[in-house]
Amino acid sequence: MAVRLSREAGRFCVLLEKSSWLDPALVAPELARVLKLTRSDTVRACRLQRGILFEGATAEQADAAVRALGDFDVAALSVPDDEMPLLPKPVHVSLSQILREGFATPSINGAGLPKLWKWEDLAMLAGGILMDPAAQAAGLFDRIDEGGFSDASDRQSMAAKQLEKARSRVFPLADEIARGGKEVGEALEAALSGKAPILETSVDGFGKVGTVLDLIFTKPFERLRVTAKGRMTGLEHTASAARNLHMAVKEISPLATQATQPGSTLALAHGADSGDYLFEDTPQFDSYCRWVYFWRLRGSPEPIAKQKVETPPEKADDE
């Protein structure tokens, strides 16, 4: 998520034109110098950003940050805080169905909320995998003695490990997709033997991940959210939350021809091993969605709008 410097009126956001990793070792010291912030604040901004770097900056700070990022060939711009879109509060969907004519939500009850949301009214489709906090911390603190962070070198060492871990994370989505066939075999074997099947709900190195899929409609203007707890009838529901998300995005994406589909969605639909759809928590995913929706309204500098995603032939054979 973006680092917020102030909530005063008349402040500015610093946005990247393309969602990309900013190396804190290179960028953070220069941002700290020109923005007159602590290095810890700028390191945090580089590590947590998913398109929005800062919110609540003064005009001078925002302009200085844009110039500093330009020195590292990172395209950015300064935008008034009040021009950043505020998305509706998510409406959680527990039961849904993907139909040719729209997204059916029989579980939603509310005044003015339809039971069928037409695809032509879908403005944005964004999906993400939320990492297990326990798995994120694993391995970072097991070598610290009882004194904890007793000196600056300890703190710097742990910070470096955290940054390297964040930079190199790639989620093994292809393996999770392949697990579907394994689960079917195990279920058949369990049925024949009379034993309960063994379901592995965690992902090696990532723990028990969560998933989130946001569909933003314009008529009415609402944000529907499907999490790992939700069910889509007509789609096979497996123990792998990541595979379930992939299958849902793969089904919806070709129907959502008018919707903005960012990099996270495209990678999920293709079943690619990637870090594009990995988020540390829900607020970071929400910040990414705001950044994507801003570029939909402004006119994207990169081709994320109105993309139709087809499953590669080699993937279709495997599934």
Protein backbone atom coordinates (compact mmCIF):
# COMPACT_ATOMS: atom_id res chain seq x y z
CA MET A 1 0.00 0.00 0.00
CA ALA A 2 1.05 3.60 -0.39
CA VAL A 3 2.80 5.41 2.46
CA ARG A 4 0.60 8.33 3.60
CA LEU A 5 2.49 11.39 4.76
CA SER A 6 -0.48 13.57 5.74
CA ARG A 7 -4.26 13.76 5.58
CA GLU A 8 -4.37 17.53 5.16
CA ALA A 9 -6.32 19.01 2.25
CA GLY A 10 -4.48 20.12 -0.87
CA ARG A 11 -1.92 17.31 -0.78
CA PHE A 12 -0.59 15.19 -3.66
CA CYS A 13 -0.01 11.56 -4.62
CA VAL A 14 3.04 10.19 -6.39
CA LEU A 15 2.05 7.52 -8.92
CA LEU A 16 4.11 5.26 -11.12
CA GLU A 17 3.10 5.03 -14.77
CA LYS A 18 3.86 1.30 -14.73
CA SER A 19 3.62 -1.06 -11.79
CA SER A 20 7.18 -2.17 -11.12
CA TRP A 21 9.58 -3.06 -8.33
CA LEU A 22 11.61 -0.17 -6.97
CA ASP A 23 14.95 -1.28 -5.53
CA PRO A 24 15.08 0.35 -2.08
CA ALA A 25 18.86 0.12 -1.96
CA LEU A 26 19.09 2.43 -4.98
CA VAL A 27 15.97 4.57 -4.85
CA ALA A 28 15.22 5.02 -1.14
CA PRO A 29 18.34 7.07 -0.20
CA GLU A 30 17.72 9.60 -2.97
CA LEU A 31 14.01 9.87 -2.14
CA ALA A 32 14.88 10.39 1.52
CA ARG A 33 17.29 13.19 0.56
CA VAL A 34 14.98 15.15 -1.76
CA LEU A 35 11.79 14.61 0.25
CA LYS A 36 13.52 15.25 3.59
CA LEU A 37 12.06 12.05 5.03
CA THR A 38 13.68 9.29 7.05
CA ARG A 39 15.17 6.48 5.04
CA SER A 40 12.91 3.99 6.80
CA ASP A 41 9.87 5.81 5.35
CA THR A 42 11.21 5.74 1.80
CA VAL A 43 12.33 2.10 2.08
CA ARG A 44 8.83 1.22 3.26
CA ALA A 45 7.31 3.18 0.37
CA CYS A 46 9.48 1.37 -2.19
CA ARG A 47 8.74 -2.06 -0.72
CA LEU A 48 4.99 -1.69 -0.19
CA GLN A 49 3.97 0.32 -3.25
CA ARG A 50 1.92 -1.25 -6.02
CA GLY A 51 1.65 1.78 -8.28
CA ILE A 52 0.99 4.47 -5.63
CA LEU A 53 4.22 5.46 -3.91
CA PHE A 54 3.10 8.27 -1.58
CA GLU A 55 -0.14 9.94 -0.58
CA GLY A 56 -0.51 13.19 1.32
CA ALA A 57 2.73 14.77 0.07
CA THR A 58 3.16 18.50 -0.43
CA ALA A 59 3.37 19.78 -3.99
CA GLU A 60 7.10 20.35 -3.54
CA GLN A 61 7.68 16.85 -2.17
CA ALA A 62 5.67 15.22 -4.96
CA ASP A 63 7.48 17.14 -7.70
CA ALA A 64 10.86 16.34 -6.12
CA ALA A 65 9.95 12.63 -5.95
CA VAL A 66 8.93 12.59 -9.63
CA ARG A 67 12.26 14.18 -10.62
CA ALA A 68 14.24 11.78 -8.43
CA LEU A 69 12.46 8.75 -9.89
CA GLY A 70 13.16 10.08 -13.39
CA ASP A 71 16.88 9.88 -12.62
CA PHE A 72 16.37 6.11 -12.24
CA ASP A 73 14.36 5.90 -15.49
CA VAL A 74 11.13 5.38 -13.53
CA ALA A 75 8.22 7.30 -15.07
CA ALA A 76 5.98 8.87 -12.43
CA LEU A 77 3.62 11.78 -11.98
CA SER A 78 2.19 13.98 -9.27
CA VAL A 79 -1.60 13.98 -8.87
CA PRO A 80 -3.77 15.89 -6.35
CA ASP A 81 -5.10 13.57 -3.66
CA ASP A 82 -8.67 14.55 -4.46
CA GLU A 83 -8.27 13.33 -8.05
CA MET A 84 -7.50 9.79 -6.94
CA PRO A 85 -10.64 7.64 -7.25
CA LEU A 86 -12.24 6.24 -4.13
CA LEU A 87 -13.65 2.83 -4.88
CA PRO A 88 -16.90 1.62 -3.29
CA LYS A 89 -16.70 -0.52 -0.19
CA PRO A 90 -16.55 -4.18 -1.31
CA VAL A 91 -19.78 -6.16 -1.37
CA HIS A 92 -18.75 -9.68 -0.39
CA VAL A 93 -20.27 -12.40 -2.54
CA SER A 94 -20.64 -15.84 -0.97
CA LEU A 95 -22.35 -17.56 -3.90
CA SER A 96 -22.13 -16.63 -7.58
CA GLN A 97 -22.30 -18.04 -11.08
CA ILE A 98 -20.56 -17.06 -14.31
CA LEU A 99 -23.13 -16.87 -17.10
CA ARG A 100 -22.78 -15.84 -20.73
CA GLU A 101 -24.93 -12.77 -20.14
CA GLY A 102 -23.46 -11.68 -16.82
CA PHE A 103 -22.31 -12.39 -13.28
CA ALA A 104 -25.12 -13.92 -11.22
CA THR A 105 -25.14 -13.23 -7.48
CA PRO A 106 -28.08 -15.04 -5.84
CA SER A 107 -26.50 -14.56 -2.39
CA ILE A 108 -26.64 -10.74 -2.49
CA ASN A 109 -29.59 -8.98 -0.90
CA GLY A 110 -29.91 -5.22 -0.87
CA ALA A 111 -31.93 -2.34 -2.23
CA GLY A 112 -30.93 -1.53 -5.79
CA LEU A 113 -28.55 -4.49 -6.11
CA PRO A 114 -29.38 -6.72 -9.09
CA LYS A 115 -29.12 -10.50 -9.14
CA LEU A 116 -27.44 -10.40 -12.56
CA TRP A 117 -24.60 -7.99 -13.35
CA LYS A 118 -24.10 -7.54 -17.09
CA TRP A 119 -20.60 -7.95 -18.50
CA GLU A 120 -20.88 -4.77 -20.57
CA ASP A 121 -21.16 -2.87 -17.27
CA LEU A 122 -17.98 -4.42 -15.85
CA ALA A 123 -15.34 -1.70 -15.64
CA MET A 124 -12.49 -3.57 -13.97
CA LEU A 125 -11.51 -7.13 -13.12
CA ALA A 126 -8.63 -7.56 -10.68
CA GLY A 127 -7.47 -10.65 -8.83
CA GLY A 128 -4.77 -11.32 -6.29
CA ILE A 129 -3.24 -13.93 -4.00
CA LEU A 130 -2.76 -12.79 -0.40
CA MET A 131 0.25 -14.21 1.36
CA ASP A 132 0.15 -15.89 4.76
CA PRO A 133 1.70 -13.46 7.32
CA ALA A 134 3.22 -16.39 9.25
CA ALA A 135 4.97 -17.64 6.10
CA GLN A 136 6.27 -14.14 5.33
CA ALA A 137 7.98 -13.97 8.72
CA ALA A 138 9.35 -17.51 8.58
CA GLY A 139 13.10 -17.69 8.27
CA LEU A 140 13.68 -14.02 9.05
CA PHE A 141 13.98 -14.27 12.81
CA ASP A 142 15.16 -17.81 13.47
CA ARG A 143 18.82 -16.78 13.65
CA ILE A 144 18.40 -13.86 16.04
CA ASP A 145 19.60 -14.49 19.58
CA GLU A 146 17.59 -13.77 22.72
CA GLY A 147 18.83 -10.20 22.70
CA GLY A 148 16.72 -9.55 19.59
CA PHE A 149 17.67 -6.54 17.53
CA SER A 150 20.48 -5.49 19.84
CA ASP A 151 22.37 -3.37 17.37
CA ALA A 152 22.03 -1.63 14.03
CA SER A 153 23.72 -4.46 12.12
CA ASP A 154 21.01 -6.89 13.26
CA ARG A 155 18.27 -4.55 12.08
CA GLN A 156 19.98 -3.91 8.77
CA SER A 157 20.50 -7.63 8.21
CA MET A 158 16.83 -8.43 8.82
CA ALA A 159 15.70 -5.52 6.62
CA ALA A 160 17.94 -6.74 3.81
CA LYS A 161 16.50 -10.25 4.08
CA GLN A 162 12.95 -8.92 4.00
CA LEU A 163 13.66 -6.84 0.91
CA GLU A 164 15.36 -9.68 -0.93
CA LYS A 165 12.53 -12.03 -0.09
CA ALA A 166 9.97 -9.51 -1.36
CA ARG A 167 11.93 -8.88 -4.55
CA SER A 168 12.41 -12.53 -5.52
CA ARG A 169 8.93 -13.88 -4.72
CA VAL A 170 7.32 -15.77 -7.58
CA PHE A 171 4.20 -17.79 -6.87
CA PRO A 172 4.17 -21.39 -8.25
CA LEU A 173 0.73 -21.11 -9.88
CA ALA A 174 1.45 -23.78 -12.51
CA ASP A 175 2.04 -26.34 -9.76
CA GLU A 176 -1.17 -25.32 -8.00
CA ILE A 177 -3.12 -25.75 -11.23
CA ALA A 178 -1.59 -29.20 -11.73
CA ARG A 179 -2.67 -30.19 -8.22
CA GLY A 180 -6.26 -30.34 -9.49
CA GLY A 181 -5.64 -33.62 -11.28
CA LYS A 182 -3.84 -35.03 -8.26
CA GLU A 183 -6.80 -34.19 -6.03
CA VAL A 184 -9.21 -36.03 -8.34
CA GLY A 185 -7.02 -39.15 -8.19
CA GLU A 186 -6.74 -38.97 -4.42
CA ALA A 187 -10.51 -38.52 -4.07
CA LEU A 188 -11.15 -41.63 -6.22
CA GLU A 189 -8.60 -43.64 -4.28
CA ALA A 190 -10.15 -42.51 -0.99
CA ALA A 191 -13.64 -43.45 -2.21
CA LEU A 192 -12.47 -46.94 -3.15
CA SER A 193 -10.54 -47.48 0.07
CA GLY A 194 -13.07 -45.85 2.36
CA LYS A 195 -10.47 -43.46 3.78
CA ALA A 196 -10.75 -39.69 3.96
CA PRO A 197 -8.65 -37.87 1.32
CA ILE A 198 -5.64 -35.86 2.47
CA LEU A 199 -6.09 -32.24 1.41
CA GLU A 200 -3.07 -29.93 1.35
CA THR A 201 -4.38 -26.41 1.85
CA SER A 202 -1.02 -24.62 2.12
CA VAL A 203 1.54 -23.78 -0.55
CA ASP A 204 5.18 -24.63 0.03
CA GLY A 205 7.01 -21.46 1.04
CA PHE A 206 3.85 -19.34 1.09
CA GLY A 207 1.75 -20.96 3.79
CA LYS A 208 -2.04 -20.90 3.71
CA VAL A 209 -2.68 -18.22 1.10
CA GLY A 210 -5.87 -16.27 0.61
CA THR A 211 -7.39 -14.99 -2.62
CA VAL A 212 -9.40 -11.96 -3.63
CA LEU A 213 -11.23 -11.17 -6.87
CA ASP A 214 -12.77 -7.73 -7.38
CA LEU A 215 -15.33 -6.95 -10.08
CA ILE A 216 -16.17 -3.25 -10.37
CA PHE A 217 -19.45 -2.54 -12.14
CA THR A 218 -20.77 0.84 -13.26
CA LYS A 219 -24.53 0.11 -13.31
CA PRO A 220 -24.82 0.33 -10.38
CA PHE A 221 -21.37 1.52 -9.31
CA GLU A 222 -20.40 -1.27 -6.95
CA ARG A 223 -17.37 -3.40 -6.19
CA LEU A 224 -18.17 -7.09 -5.83
CA ARG A 225 -15.57 -9.15 -3.99
CA VAL A 226 -15.14 -12.91 -4.06
CA THR A 227 -12.67 -14.41 -1.59
CA ALA A 228 -11.51 -17.96 -0.94
CA LYS A 229 -14.61 -18.43 1.22
CA GLY A 230 -16.92 -17.75 -1.74
CA ARG A 231 -18.28 -20.39 -4.13
CA MET A 232 -18.89 -20.16 -7.85
CA THR A 233 -21.38 -22.75 -9.02
CA GLY A 234 -20.43 -24.51 -12.21
CA LEU A 235 -16.70 -24.34 -11.42
CA GLU A 236 -14.81 -27.15 -9.74
CA HIS A 237 -13.93 -26.14 -6.19
CA THR A 238 -10.63 -27.62 -4.98
CA ALA A 239 -8.50 -27.36 -1.85
CA SER A 240 -6.15 -24.99 -3.72
CA ALA A 241 -7.42 -21.42 -3.34
CA ALA A 242 -4.95 -20.26 -5.98
CA ARG A 243 -6.24 -22.78 -8.54
CA ASN A 244 -9.83 -21.78 -7.81
CA LEU A 245 -8.93 -18.14 -8.44
CA HIS A 246 -7.17 -19.03 -11.70
CA MET A 247 -10.22 -20.96 -12.93
CA ALA A 248 -12.57 -18.09 -12.06
CA VAL A 249 -10.42 -15.46 -13.80
CA LYS A 250 -9.93 -17.75 -16.80
CA GLU A 251 -13.72 -18.06 -17.18
CA ILE A 252 -14.56 -14.38 -16.68
CA SER A 253 -11.71 -12.78 -18.60
CA PRO A 254 -12.89 -13.60 -22.17
CA LEU A 255 -16.38 -12.35 -21.30
CA ALA A 256 -15.14 -9.05 -19.85
CA THR A 257 -14.13 -7.49 -23.17
CA GLN A 258 -14.85 -3.92 -22.03
CA ALA A 259 -13.18 -4.22 -18.63
CA THR A 260 -9.73 -3.10 -17.58
CA GLN A 261 -7.65 -6.18 -16.77
CA PRO A 262 -4.32 -5.31 -15.12
CA GLY A 263 -1.14 -7.36 -15.07
CA SER A 264 -2.21 -9.34 -12.01
CA THR A 265 -5.37 -10.51 -13.80
CA LEU A 266 -3.62 -11.37 -17.05
CA ALA A 267 -0.99 -13.48 -15.28
CA LEU A 268 -3.67 -15.31 -13.29
CA ALA A 269 -5.71 -16.04 -16.41
CA HIS A 270 -2.67 -17.47 -18.19
CA GLY A 271 -1.67 -19.57 -15.18
CA ALA A 272 1.79 -17.99 -15.18
CA ASP A 273 4.25 -18.26 -12.30
CA SER A 274 4.59 -14.62 -11.32
CA GLY A 275 4.80 -12.09 -8.54
CA ASP A 276 2.35 -9.72 -10.28
CA TYR A 277 -0.65 -11.10 -8.40
CA LEU A 278 1.06 -11.52 -5.00
CA PHE A 279 0.01 -9.07 -2.29
CA GLU A 280 1.07 -8.86 1.33
CA ASP A 281 -2.44 -8.03 2.55
CA THR A 282 -5.81 -6.67 1.50
CA PRO A 283 -4.90 -2.96 1.93
CA GLN A 284 -2.03 -3.41 -0.53
CA PHE A 285 -4.43 -5.02 -3.02
CA ASP A 286 -6.92 -2.18 -2.50
CA SER A 287 -4.20 0.37 -3.22
CA TYR A 288 -3.31 -1.48 -6.43
CA CYS A 289 -6.96 -1.45 -7.51
CA ARG A 290 -7.16 2.32 -6.94
CA TRP A 291 -4.04 2.79 -9.07
CA VAL A 292 -5.46 0.63 -11.87
CA TYR A 293 -8.81 2.40 -11.80
CA PHE A 294 -7.10 5.80 -11.92
CA TRP A 295 -5.36 4.81 -15.15
CA ARG A 296 -8.62 3.51 -16.56
CA LEU A 297 -10.16 6.95 -16.00
CA ARG A 298 -7.08 8.88 -17.11
CA GLY A 299 -6.10 6.68 -20.06
CA SER A 300 -3.48 4.05 -19.36
CA PRO A 301 0.15 4.55 -20.43
CA GLU A 302 0.45 0.78 -20.67
CA PRO A 303 -1.92 -1.67 -22.39
CA ILE A 304 -4.03 -2.78 -19.42
CA ALA A 305 -7.42 -1.64 -20.65
CA LYS A 306 -9.95 -3.71 -22.57
CA GLN A 307 -7.75 -6.76 -22.91
CA LYS A 308 -9.11 -10.11 -23.93
CA VAL A 309 -7.19 -13.02 -22.48
CA GLU A 310 -7.09 -16.41 -24.11
CA THR A 311 -5.60 -19.50 -22.48
CA PRO A 312 -2.43 -20.59 -24.30
CA PRO A 313 -2.88 -23.88 -26.21
CA GLU A 314 -0.29 -25.69 -24.12
CA LYS A 315 -2.22 -24.81 -20.93
CA ALA A 316 -5.55 -25.86 -22.41
CA ASP A 317 -4.24 -29.37 -23.11
CA ASP A 318 -3.05 -29.76 -19.53
CA GLU A 319 -6.39 -28.79 -18.05
